[in-house]
Amino acid sequence: METVYQDRFQIVNYFSEHSFLEFIWQNTLEMTEEGFKTCLFTQAELVEKYKVTKELFDTKEFFFPISVQLQTWIEETIYTQKQRSGVKQFALVMSEEIIAQVSLEQAVNEGKGVLFNSKFFSSREKARQFLMNL
């Protein structure tokens, strides 16, 4: 594992031997919609750079509510870009904050999000094992 990116809202680790990126959300209570979009664009760029087919999102510290309009933007922009880049599976470690969690699950399980093989986990270790065994 190698940390390949870090900013105020996320830490990104690369698992070269298993071809996946791990995105760990942090400090999202202060995040704006533009900040969130910037994070997602950064994630998409890293997916292209490292040519991964799998992603892990640790959302335990993800407290930013995703509006319906933002969910649509994610579908039309980010999911399309990640699909073109070759992402096939991702694992999510669940957030404790119910409002943010519901909007996050909706963004993943609706629309183009269903094009990916995704699973939800309660720990990062279980999510890593899922991706390593694919």
N, C-alpha and C. Protein backbone atom coordinates (compact mmCIF):
# COMPACT_ATOMS: atom_id res chain seq x y z
N MET A 1 0.84 -1.18 0.00
CA MET A 1 0.00 0.00 0.00
C MET A 1 0.89 1.24 0.00
N GLU A 2 0.50 2.19 -0.84
CA GLU A 2 1.22 3.46 -0.94
C GLU A 2 0.21 4.60 -0.92
N THR A 3 0.42 5.60 -0.06
CA THR A 3 -0.42 6.80 -0.07
C THR A 3 0.01 7.65 -1.26
N VAL A 4 -0.94 7.87 -2.19
CA VAL A 4 -0.61 8.58 -3.43
C VAL A 4 -1.21 9.98 -3.51
N TYR A 5 -2.11 10.28 -2.57
CA TYR A 5 -2.74 11.61 -2.58
C TYR A 5 -3.36 11.86 -1.21
N GLN A 6 -3.31 13.12 -0.79
CA GLN A 6 -3.98 13.50 0.45
C GLN A 6 -4.31 14.98 0.38
N ASP A 7 -5.53 15.30 0.77
CA ASP A 7 -5.91 16.70 0.93
C ASP A 7 -6.77 16.81 2.18
N ARG A 8 -7.43 17.92 2.33
CA ARG A 8 -8.22 18.18 3.54
C ARG A 8 -9.36 17.19 3.74
N PHE A 9 -9.91 16.64 2.64
CA PHE A 9 -11.11 15.82 2.71
C PHE A 9 -10.89 14.33 2.44
N GLN A 10 -9.73 13.96 1.93
CA GLN A 10 -9.54 12.55 1.58
C GLN A 10 -8.07 12.15 1.60
N ILE A 11 -7.87 10.87 1.87
CA ILE A 11 -6.57 10.23 1.76
C ILE A 11 -6.76 9.12 0.73
N VAL A 12 -5.81 8.98 -0.19
CA VAL A 12 -5.93 7.97 -1.23
C VAL A 12 -4.72 7.04 -1.17
N ASN A 13 -5.01 5.75 -1.01
CA ASN A 13 -3.97 4.72 -0.99
C ASN A 13 -4.10 3.86 -2.23
N TYR A 14 -2.94 3.44 -2.75
CA TYR A 14 -2.89 2.59 -3.94
C TYR A 14 -2.37 1.21 -3.56
N PHE A 15 -3.12 0.19 -3.92
CA PHE A 15 -2.74 -1.20 -3.70
C PHE A 15 -2.38 -1.79 -5.06
N SER A 16 -1.13 -1.64 -5.46
CA SER A 16 -0.72 -2.05 -6.80
C SER A 16 -0.88 -3.55 -7.03
N GLU A 17 -0.59 -4.35 -6.02
CA GLU A 17 -0.65 -5.80 -6.19
C GLU A 17 -2.06 -6.31 -6.42
N HIS A 18 -3.07 -5.50 -6.06
CA HIS A 18 -4.46 -5.91 -6.25
C HIS A 18 -5.23 -4.93 -7.15
N SER A 19 -4.53 -3.99 -7.72
CA SER A 19 -5.10 -3.03 -8.66
C SER A 19 -6.33 -2.30 -8.13
N PHE A 20 -6.20 -1.70 -6.93
CA PHE A 20 -7.30 -0.86 -6.46
C PHE A 20 -6.82 0.35 -5.70
N LEU A 21 -7.67 1.37 -5.71
CA LEU A 21 -7.45 2.59 -4.93
C LEU A 21 -8.40 2.59 -3.75
N GLU A 22 -7.90 3.06 -2.62
CA GLU A 22 -8.71 3.20 -1.41
C GLU A 22 -8.84 4.69 -1.11
N PHE A 23 -10.07 5.17 -1.05
CA PHE A 23 -10.36 6.57 -0.78
C PHE A 23 -10.93 6.67 0.63
N ILE A 24 -10.25 7.37 1.51
CA ILE A 24 -10.69 7.53 2.89
C ILE A 24 -11.15 8.97 3.07
N TRP A 25 -12.46 9.14 3.29
CA TRP A 25 -13.03 10.46 3.49
C TRP A 25 -12.75 10.95 4.90
N GLN A 26 -12.55 12.27 5.06
CA GLN A 26 -12.32 12.87 6.37
C GLN A 26 -12.75 14.34 6.35
N ASN A 27 -13.12 14.88 7.50
CA ASN A 27 -13.45 16.31 7.66
C ASN A 27 -14.52 16.81 6.70
N THR A 28 -15.48 15.99 6.33
CA THR A 28 -16.45 16.40 5.31
C THR A 28 -17.56 17.30 5.85
N LEU A 29 -17.63 17.50 7.16
CA LEU A 29 -18.65 18.41 7.72
C LEU A 29 -18.49 19.82 7.17
N GLU A 30 -17.27 20.19 6.84
CA GLU A 30 -16.99 21.54 6.34
C GLU A 30 -16.91 21.60 4.82
N MET A 31 -17.21 20.51 4.15
CA MET A 31 -17.07 20.45 2.69
C MET A 31 -18.26 21.14 2.01
N THR A 32 -17.97 21.83 0.92
CA THR A 32 -19.01 22.45 0.10
C THR A 32 -19.30 21.54 -1.09
N GLU A 33 -20.34 21.86 -1.84
CA GLU A 33 -20.63 21.07 -3.04
C GLU A 33 -19.48 21.16 -4.04
N GLU A 34 -18.91 22.34 -4.20
CA GLU A 34 -17.78 22.48 -5.12
C GLU A 34 -16.58 21.68 -4.64
N GLY A 35 -16.35 21.66 -3.34
CA GLY A 35 -15.27 20.87 -2.77
C GLY A 35 -15.48 19.39 -3.01
N PHE A 36 -16.73 18.94 -2.89
CA PHE A 36 -17.06 17.54 -3.13
C PHE A 36 -16.81 17.18 -4.59
N LYS A 37 -17.25 18.04 -5.49
CA LYS A 37 -17.03 17.79 -6.92
C LYS A 37 -15.54 17.73 -7.25
N THR A 38 -14.78 18.62 -6.65
CA THR A 38 -13.33 18.62 -6.86
C THR A 38 -12.72 17.31 -6.40
N CYS A 39 -13.17 16.81 -5.24
CA CYS A 39 -12.68 15.52 -4.74
C CYS A 39 -13.01 14.39 -5.72
N LEU A 40 -14.22 14.39 -6.24
CA LEU A 40 -14.62 13.33 -7.18
C LEU A 40 -13.83 13.41 -8.48
N PHE A 41 -13.57 14.62 -8.97
CA PHE A 41 -12.73 14.75 -10.17
C PHE A 41 -11.32 14.24 -9.90
N THR A 42 -10.78 14.55 -8.71
CA THR A 42 -9.45 14.06 -8.34
C THR A 42 -9.45 12.54 -8.31
N GLN A 43 -10.48 11.95 -7.73
CA GLN A 43 -10.58 10.50 -7.67
C GLN A 43 -10.60 9.90 -9.08
N ALA A 44 -11.39 10.49 -9.96
CA ALA A 44 -11.48 9.99 -11.33
C ALA A 44 -10.13 10.09 -12.04
N GLU A 45 -9.40 11.18 -11.80
CA GLU A 45 -8.07 11.34 -12.40
C GLU A 45 -7.11 10.28 -11.89
N LEU A 46 -7.18 9.97 -10.60
CA LEU A 46 -6.31 8.95 -10.02
C LEU A 46 -6.64 7.56 -10.58
N VAL A 47 -7.93 7.30 -10.79
CA VAL A 47 -8.34 6.03 -11.40
C VAL A 47 -7.69 5.89 -12.78
N GLU A 48 -7.72 6.95 -13.55
CA GLU A 48 -7.11 6.91 -14.89
C GLU A 48 -5.60 6.76 -14.79
N LYS A 49 -4.97 7.50 -13.89
CA LYS A 49 -3.51 7.47 -13.75
C LYS A 49 -3.02 6.08 -13.36
N TYR A 50 -3.69 5.44 -12.39
CA TYR A 50 -3.22 4.15 -11.88
C TYR A 50 -3.88 2.96 -12.59
N LYS A 51 -4.81 3.24 -13.48
CA LYS A 51 -5.46 2.20 -14.29
C LYS A 51 -6.04 1.06 -13.43
N VAL A 52 -6.74 1.44 -12.36
CA VAL A 52 -7.33 0.44 -11.47
C VAL A 52 -8.70 0.01 -11.98
N THR A 53 -9.11 -1.19 -11.59
CA THR A 53 -10.43 -1.69 -11.94
C THR A 53 -11.34 -1.78 -10.72
N LYS A 54 -10.76 -1.50 -9.53
CA LYS A 54 -11.51 -1.61 -8.29
C LYS A 54 -11.24 -0.40 -7.40
N GLU A 55 -12.25 -0.06 -6.59
CA GLU A 55 -12.13 1.07 -5.66
C GLU A 55 -12.72 0.69 -4.31
N LEU A 56 -12.13 1.24 -3.26
CA LEU A 56 -12.66 1.11 -1.91
C LEU A 56 -12.89 2.52 -1.39
N PHE A 57 -14.09 2.76 -0.87
CA PHE A 57 -14.43 4.05 -0.28
C PHE A 57 -14.73 3.85 1.19
N ASP A 58 -13.90 4.42 2.06
CA ASP A 58 -14.18 4.40 3.49
C ASP A 58 -14.97 5.66 3.80
N THR A 59 -16.27 5.49 4.02
CA THR A 59 -17.17 6.62 4.21
C THR A 59 -17.60 6.80 5.67
N LYS A 60 -16.88 6.18 6.60
CA LYS A 60 -17.26 6.31 8.02
C LYS A 60 -17.22 7.75 8.50
N GLU A 61 -16.37 8.56 7.90
CA GLU A 61 -16.28 9.97 8.27
C GLU A 61 -16.87 10.87 7.17
N PHE A 62 -17.76 10.30 6.38
CA PHE A 62 -18.41 11.06 5.31
C PHE A 62 -19.73 11.60 5.84
N PHE A 63 -19.80 12.91 6.05
CA PHE A 63 -20.99 13.52 6.62
C PHE A 63 -21.59 14.60 5.72
N PHE A 64 -21.25 14.56 4.45
CA PHE A 64 -21.75 15.55 3.50
C PHE A 64 -22.99 14.99 2.81
N PRO A 65 -24.15 15.64 3.00
CA PRO A 65 -25.37 15.14 2.34
C PRO A 65 -25.33 15.42 0.84
N ILE A 66 -25.67 14.40 0.06
CA ILE A 66 -25.65 14.51 -1.40
C ILE A 66 -27.09 14.77 -1.88
N SER A 67 -27.29 15.92 -2.48
CA SER A 67 -28.62 16.29 -2.98
C SER A 67 -28.99 15.43 -4.19
N VAL A 68 -30.26 15.43 -4.54
CA VAL A 68 -30.72 14.69 -5.72
C VAL A 68 -30.03 15.23 -6.98
N GLN A 69 -29.88 16.55 -7.06
CA GLN A 69 -29.21 17.14 -8.22
C GLN A 69 -27.75 16.70 -8.30
N LEU A 70 -27.10 16.60 -7.16
CA LEU A 70 -25.71 16.17 -7.13
C LEU A 70 -25.61 14.68 -7.47
N GLN A 71 -26.58 13.89 -7.06
CA GLN A 71 -26.62 12.48 -7.43
C GLN A 71 -26.68 12.34 -8.95
N THR A 72 -27.51 13.15 -9.58
CA THR A 72 -27.63 13.14 -11.04
C THR A 72 -26.30 13.51 -11.68
N TRP A 73 -25.64 14.53 -11.15
CA TRP A 73 -24.34 14.95 -11.68
C TRP A 73 -23.32 13.81 -11.55
N ILE A 74 -23.31 13.11 -10.41
CA ILE A 74 -22.40 11.98 -10.20
C ILE A 74 -22.64 10.92 -11.26
N GLU A 75 -23.90 10.59 -11.48
CA GLU A 75 -24.25 9.59 -12.51
C GLU A 75 -23.75 9.98 -13.88
N GLU A 76 -24.08 11.20 -14.27
CA GLU A 76 -23.80 11.65 -15.64
C GLU A 76 -22.33 11.94 -15.88
N THR A 77 -21.61 12.34 -14.85
CA THR A 77 -20.23 12.77 -15.02
C THR A 77 -19.23 11.75 -14.50
N ILE A 78 -19.29 11.46 -13.22
CA ILE A 78 -18.26 10.64 -12.57
C ILE A 78 -18.41 9.17 -12.93
N TYR A 79 -19.61 8.62 -12.81
CA TYR A 79 -19.79 7.19 -13.12
C TYR A 79 -19.47 6.89 -14.58
N THR A 80 -19.84 7.79 -15.46
CA THR A 80 -19.55 7.61 -16.88
C THR A 80 -18.04 7.60 -17.11
N GLN A 81 -17.35 8.54 -16.48
CA GLN A 81 -15.90 8.61 -16.62
C GLN A 81 -15.21 7.38 -16.04
N LYS A 82 -15.66 6.93 -14.88
CA LYS A 82 -15.05 5.75 -14.26
C LYS A 82 -15.34 4.48 -15.06
N GLN A 83 -16.51 4.40 -15.64
CA GLN A 83 -16.83 3.24 -16.47
C GLN A 83 -15.91 3.20 -17.68
N ARG A 84 -15.70 4.34 -18.32
CA ARG A 84 -14.79 4.42 -19.46
C ARG A 84 -13.35 4.07 -19.06
N SER A 85 -12.99 4.37 -17.81
CA SER A 85 -11.64 4.09 -17.32
C SER A 85 -11.43 2.63 -16.95
N GLY A 86 -12.52 1.85 -16.90
CA GLY A 86 -12.38 0.43 -16.64
C GLY A 86 -12.74 -0.04 -15.24
N VAL A 87 -13.30 0.83 -14.40
CA VAL A 87 -13.69 0.40 -13.05
C VAL A 87 -14.85 -0.59 -13.16
N LYS A 88 -14.70 -1.71 -12.48
CA LYS A 88 -15.71 -2.77 -12.51
C LYS A 88 -16.35 -3.02 -11.14
N GLN A 89 -15.58 -2.87 -10.07
CA GLN A 89 -16.09 -3.15 -8.73
C GLN A 89 -15.68 -2.05 -7.76
N PHE A 90 -16.52 -1.86 -6.76
CA PHE A 90 -16.09 -1.04 -5.64
C PHE A 90 -16.76 -1.49 -4.36
N ALA A 91 -16.08 -1.19 -3.27
CA ALA A 91 -16.56 -1.55 -1.94
C ALA A 91 -16.69 -0.27 -1.13
N LEU A 92 -17.74 -0.20 -0.32
CA LEU A 92 -17.95 0.97 0.52
C LEU A 92 -17.99 0.55 1.98
N VAL A 93 -17.22 1.25 2.80
CA VAL A 93 -17.29 1.09 4.24
C VAL A 93 -18.26 2.16 4.71
N MET A 94 -19.28 1.74 5.44
CA MET A 94 -20.43 2.58 5.75
C MET A 94 -20.15 3.71 6.74
N SER A 95 -20.83 4.82 6.50
CA SER A 95 -20.82 5.97 7.38
C SER A 95 -21.80 5.75 8.53
N GLU A 96 -21.54 6.41 9.65
CA GLU A 96 -22.44 6.32 10.79
C GLU A 96 -23.57 7.36 10.70
N GLU A 97 -23.41 8.38 9.91
CA GLU A 97 -24.38 9.48 9.84
C GLU A 97 -25.48 9.13 8.85
N ILE A 98 -26.69 8.94 9.34
CA ILE A 98 -27.78 8.37 8.54
C ILE A 98 -28.18 9.23 7.33
N ILE A 99 -28.26 10.52 7.46
CA ILE A 99 -28.71 11.35 6.34
C ILE A 99 -27.71 11.28 5.20
N ALA A 100 -26.43 11.45 5.51
CA ALA A 100 -25.40 11.36 4.49
C ALA A 100 -25.36 9.95 3.92
N GLN A 101 -25.55 8.94 4.76
CA GLN A 101 -25.48 7.56 4.30
C GLN A 101 -26.58 7.23 3.31
N VAL A 102 -27.80 7.68 3.60
CA VAL A 102 -28.92 7.42 2.70
C VAL A 102 -28.64 8.05 1.33
N SER A 103 -28.16 9.28 1.31
CA SER A 103 -27.89 9.93 0.03
C SER A 103 -26.72 9.26 -0.68
N LEU A 104 -25.72 8.78 0.06
CA LEU A 104 -24.60 8.07 -0.55
C LEU A 104 -25.06 6.75 -1.17
N GLU A 105 -25.89 6.00 -0.45
CA GLU A 105 -26.41 4.74 -0.97
C GLU A 105 -27.26 4.97 -2.22
N GLN A 106 -28.07 6.04 -2.22
CA GLN A 106 -28.89 6.33 -3.39
C GLN A 106 -28.01 6.64 -4.60
N ALA A 107 -26.94 7.39 -4.38
CA ALA A 107 -26.04 7.75 -5.48
C ALA A 107 -25.37 6.51 -6.07
N VAL A 108 -25.12 5.50 -5.24
CA VAL A 108 -24.45 4.28 -5.71
C VAL A 108 -25.43 3.29 -6.32
N ASN A 109 -26.61 3.15 -5.74
CA ASN A 109 -27.53 2.09 -6.13
C ASN A 109 -28.51 2.46 -7.23
N GLU A 110 -28.54 3.72 -7.63
CA GLU A 110 -29.49 4.13 -8.65
C GLU A 110 -28.75 4.50 -9.94
N GLY A 111 -29.45 4.51 -11.02
CA GLY A 111 -28.91 4.96 -12.29
C GLY A 111 -27.69 4.18 -12.72
N LYS A 112 -26.66 4.90 -13.16
CA LYS A 112 -25.45 4.27 -13.68
C LYS A 112 -24.65 3.58 -12.59
N GLY A 113 -24.93 3.86 -11.32
CA GLY A 113 -24.23 3.18 -10.24
C GLY A 113 -24.43 1.68 -10.26
N VAL A 114 -25.53 1.22 -10.85
CA VAL A 114 -25.79 -0.22 -10.90
C VAL A 114 -24.91 -0.92 -11.93
N LEU A 115 -24.15 -0.17 -12.72
CA LEU A 115 -23.26 -0.77 -13.70
C LEU A 115 -22.01 -1.37 -13.05
N PHE A 116 -21.79 -1.04 -11.79
CA PHE A 116 -20.61 -1.52 -11.08
C PHE A 116 -21.02 -2.59 -10.08
N ASN A 117 -20.15 -3.57 -9.87
CA ASN A 117 -20.34 -4.57 -8.84
C ASN A 117 -19.93 -3.92 -7.52
N SER A 118 -20.90 -3.54 -6.69
CA SER A 118 -20.58 -2.83 -5.46
C SER A 118 -21.15 -3.56 -4.25
N LYS A 119 -20.43 -3.44 -3.13
CA LYS A 119 -20.86 -4.04 -1.88
C LYS A 119 -20.56 -3.06 -0.76
N PHE A 120 -21.36 -3.17 0.33
CA PHE A 120 -21.20 -2.31 1.49
C PHE A 120 -20.64 -3.13 2.64
N PHE A 121 -19.73 -2.52 3.41
CA PHE A 121 -19.07 -3.21 4.51
C PHE A 121 -19.04 -2.31 5.74
N SER A 122 -18.85 -2.94 6.90
CA SER A 122 -18.76 -2.19 8.14
C SER A 122 -17.32 -1.91 8.54
N SER A 123 -16.34 -2.52 7.85
CA SER A 123 -14.94 -2.26 8.17
C SER A 123 -14.11 -2.19 6.89
N ARG A 124 -13.05 -1.41 6.95
CA ARG A 124 -12.16 -1.28 5.81
C ARG A 124 -11.47 -2.60 5.51
N GLU A 125 -11.14 -3.37 6.55
CA GLU A 125 -10.46 -4.65 6.35
C GLU A 125 -11.32 -5.61 5.53
N LYS A 126 -12.62 -5.70 5.84
CA LYS A 126 -13.52 -6.58 5.09
C LYS A 126 -13.65 -6.11 3.64
N ALA A 127 -13.71 -4.80 3.45
CA ALA A 127 -13.81 -4.25 2.09
C ALA A 127 -12.55 -4.55 1.29
N ARG A 128 -11.38 -4.41 1.93
CA ARG A 128 -10.13 -4.74 1.25
C ARG A 128 -10.10 -6.21 0.84
N GLN A 129 -10.53 -7.08 1.73
CA GLN A 129 -10.53 -8.51 1.42
C GLN A 129 -11.44 -8.81 0.21
N PHE A 130 -12.59 -8.16 0.17
CA PHE A 130 -13.50 -8.32 -0.96
C PHE A 130 -12.79 -7.99 -2.27
N LEU A 131 -12.11 -6.84 -2.31
CA LEU A 131 -11.45 -6.41 -3.54
C LEU A 131 -10.22 -7.26 -3.86
N MET A 132 -9.51 -7.70 -2.85
CA MET A 132 -8.31 -8.51 -3.08
C MET A 132 -8.65 -9.90 -3.60
N ASN A 133 -9.85 -10.37 -3.31
CA ASN A 133 -10.24 -11.71 -3.72
C ASN A 133 -10.99 -11.75 -5.05
N LEU A 134 -11.11 -10.63 -5.72
CA LEU A 134 -11.80 -10.60 -7.02
C LEU A 134 -10.84 -10.99 -8.13
